Structure formats: C-alpha cells, structure tokens
C-alpha atoms as a PDB file:
ATOM      1  CA  MET A   1     181.509  86.354  46.999  1.00  0.00           C
ATOM      2  CA  ASP A   2     179.972  88.146  49.937  1.00  0.00           C
ATOM      3  CA  LYS A   3     178.692  91.721  49.806  1.00  0.00           C
ATOM      4  CA  LEU A   4     181.499  93.288  51.827  1.00  0.00           C
ATOM      5  CA  ALA A   5     184.197  91.530  49.798  1.00  0.00           C
ATOM      6  CA  LEU A   6     182.737  93.039  46.622  1.00  0.00           C
ATOM      7  CA  CYS A   7     182.821  96.538  48.130  1.00  0.00           C
ATOM      8  CA  ILE A   8     186.436  96.023  49.198  1.00  0.00           C
ATOM      9  CA  ARG A   9     187.425  94.765  45.744  1.00  0.00           C
ATOM     10  CA  ASP A  10     185.666  97.661  44.037  1.00  0.00           C
ATOM     11  CA  THR A  11     187.432 100.239  46.239  1.00  0.00           C
ATOM     12  CA  LEU A  12     191.063  99.068  46.314  1.00  0.00           C
ATOM     13  CA  ARG A  13     193.770 100.032  43.844  1.00  0.00           C
ATOM     14  CA  ARG A  14     195.802  97.634  41.742  1.00  0.00           C
ATOM     15  CA  GLY A  15     198.592  96.420  44.007  1.00  0.00           C
ATOM     16  CA  ASP A  16     196.544  96.602  47.218  1.00  0.00           C
ATOM     17  CA  VAL A  17     195.831  93.260  48.868  1.00  0.00           C
ATOM     18  CA  ALA A  18     192.701  92.106  50.695  1.00  0.00           C
ATOM     19  CA  CYS A  19     192.486  88.808  52.575  1.00  0.00           C
ATOM     20  CA  LYS A  20     189.715  87.295  54.633  1.00  0.00           C
ATOM     21  CA  TYR A  21     191.247  86.861  58.099  1.00  0.00           C
ATOM     22  CA  SER A  22     188.303  85.178  59.815  1.00  0.00           C
ATOM     23  CA  ALA A  23     184.579  84.740  59.296  1.00  0.00           C
ATOM     24  CA  SER A  24     184.060  88.393  60.218  1.00  0.00           C
ATOM     25  CA  GLN A  25     187.406  90.114  59.548  1.00  0.00           C
ATOM     26  CA  TYR A  26     189.488  91.220  56.596  1.00  0.00           C
ATOM     27  CA  VAL A  27     193.102  92.314  56.436  1.00  0.00           C
ATOM     28  CA  LEU A  28     193.996  94.948  53.852  1.00  0.00           C
ATOM     29  CA  LEU A  29     197.553  95.730  52.823  1.00  0.00           C
ATOM     30  CA  LEU A  30     197.804  99.193  51.311  1.00  0.00           C
ATOM     31  CA  PRO A  31     201.424  99.818  50.302  1.00  0.00           C
ATOM     32  CA  ALA A  32     202.779 103.366  50.381  1.00  0.00           C
ATOM     33  CA  VAL A  33     199.676 104.753  52.111  1.00  0.00           C
ATOM     34  CA  SER A  34     199.737 106.929  55.214  1.00  0.00           C
ATOM     35  CA  GLY A  35     197.594 106.124  58.233  1.00  0.00           C
ATOM     36  CA  GLU A  36     195.244 108.989  57.393  1.00  0.00           C
ATOM     37  CA  ALA A  37     194.867 107.863  53.787  1.00  0.00           C
ATOM     38  CA  CYS A  38     194.318 104.281  54.925  1.00  0.00           C
ATOM     39  CA  ALA A  39     191.528 105.416  57.250  1.00  0.00           C
ATOM     40  CA  ALA A  40     189.965 107.312  54.332  1.00  0.00           C
ATOM     41  CA  VAL A  41     190.053 104.162  52.172  1.00  0.00           C
ATOM     42  CA  LEU A  42     188.340 102.191  54.935  1.00  0.00           C
ATOM     43  CA  ASP A  43     185.725 104.923  55.321  1.00  0.00           C
ATOM     44  CA  ARG A  44     185.043 104.743  51.554  1.00  0.00           C
ATOM     45  CA  ILE A  45     184.610 100.961  51.765  1.00  0.00           C
ATOM     46  CA  ILE A  46     182.152 101.317  54.647  1.00  0.00           C
ATOM     47  CA  ALA A  47     180.242 104.120  52.890  1.00  0.00           C
ATOM     48  CA  ARG A  48     180.042 102.086  49.678  1.00  0.00           C
ATOM     49  CA  PHE A  49     178.761  99.070  51.593  1.00  0.00           C
ATOM     50  CA  LEU A  50     176.116 101.080  53.465  1.00  0.00           C
ATOM     51  CA  ASP A  51     175.051 102.794  50.227  1.00  0.00           C
ATOM     52  CA  ARG A  52     174.615  99.452  48.439  1.00  0.00           C
ATOM     53  CA  HIS A  53     173.045  97.621  51.396  1.00  0.00           C
ATOM     54  CA  PRO A  54     171.219 100.181  53.578  1.00  0.00           C
ATOM     55  CA  ARG A  55     169.089  97.582  55.372  1.00  0.00           C
ATOM     56  CA  CYS A  56     171.906  95.188  56.183  1.00  0.00           C
ATOM     57  CA  PRO A  57     172.206  94.688  59.964  1.00  0.00           C
ATOM     58  CA  LEU A  58     176.015  94.394  59.954  1.00  0.00           C
ATOM     59  CA  VAL A  59     178.028  96.690  62.187  1.00  0.00           C
ATOM     60  CA  LEU A  60     181.240  97.657  60.405  1.00  0.00           C
ATOM     61  CA  ARG A  61     184.302  98.781  62.343  1.00  0.00           C
ATOM     62  CA  ARG A  62     187.769  99.654  61.175  1.00  0.00           C
ATOM     63  CA  SER A  63     191.203  99.574  62.710  1.00  0.00           C
ATOM     64  CA  VAL A  64     194.428 100.907  61.181  1.00  0.00           C
ATOM     65  CA  ARG A  65     197.872  99.595  62.045  1.00  0.00           C
ATOM     66  CA  ALA A  66     201.172 100.497  60.384  1.00  0.00           C
ATOM     67  CA  LEU A  67     203.639  97.764  59.516  1.00  0.00           C
ATOM     68  CA  GLU A  68     207.308  98.501  59.133  1.00  0.00           C
ATOM     69  CA  ALA A  69     210.115  96.365  57.803  1.00  0.00           C
ATOM     70  CA  PRO A  70     212.623  95.227  60.420  1.00  0.00           C
ATOM     71  CA  PRO A  71     215.979  97.034  60.579  1.00  0.00           C
ATOM     72  CA  PRO A  72     218.594  95.789  58.073  1.00  0.00           C
ATOM     73  CA  ASP A  73     220.571  93.888  60.715  1.00  0.00           C
ATOM     74  CA  ARG A  74     217.473  91.772  61.541  1.00  0.00           C
ATOM     75  CA  ARG A  75     216.636  90.834  57.953  1.00  0.00           C
ATOM     76  CA  ARG A  76     217.428  87.435  56.568  1.00  0.00           C
ATOM     77  CA  SER A  77     217.764  86.705  52.887  1.00  0.00           C
ATOM     78  CA  GLY A  78     214.293  86.245  51.431  1.00  0.00           C
ATOM     79  CA  CYS A  79     212.582  86.678  54.793  1.00  0.00           C
ATOM     80  CA  LEU A  80     211.444  89.696  56.751  1.00  0.00           C
ATOM     81  CA  SER A  81     211.140  87.938  60.123  1.00  0.00           C
END
C-alpha cells in the first residue's frame, strides 16, 4: 500500500470510504460531515503525510465537493440516479 493511502486509512473514521480514483487521485466519502469539517479532515491527512514523509517530493492538494441525494421525485427504487 502506498504511503498516502496509509495516511488516509489511519485518519478516516469507521464508515468513511476512500477509493483510489486514478494514479494520483483519491476520492473520499465522508458521510454526515460539513464542508468545513471535511476540509479539516483533508488537512489532517496532508499534515500526517508530511510529518511521516518530510522529504517526499509530492505536492498534495485537496478539493471539497458536497454531494446531495436527488429530490424524491427523481429517485428510482434502489438507484439514486
């Protein structure tokens, strides 16, 4: 497992989900977390990584996006799309 993945795993709560999206990106699903709290979690992951690997040349960036369920009239049984 790569170094960043370990920092992500060690920071997230039970119930949070982390997936590798591409060779250089991860997607984190943090249920019931505000945008501010999500940004704080990402900052903790970055700080943990930099603390553990101070000489690593990686540049870490974060982006926060909120996802909302579609309105009830757009939901299909068993599917949110």
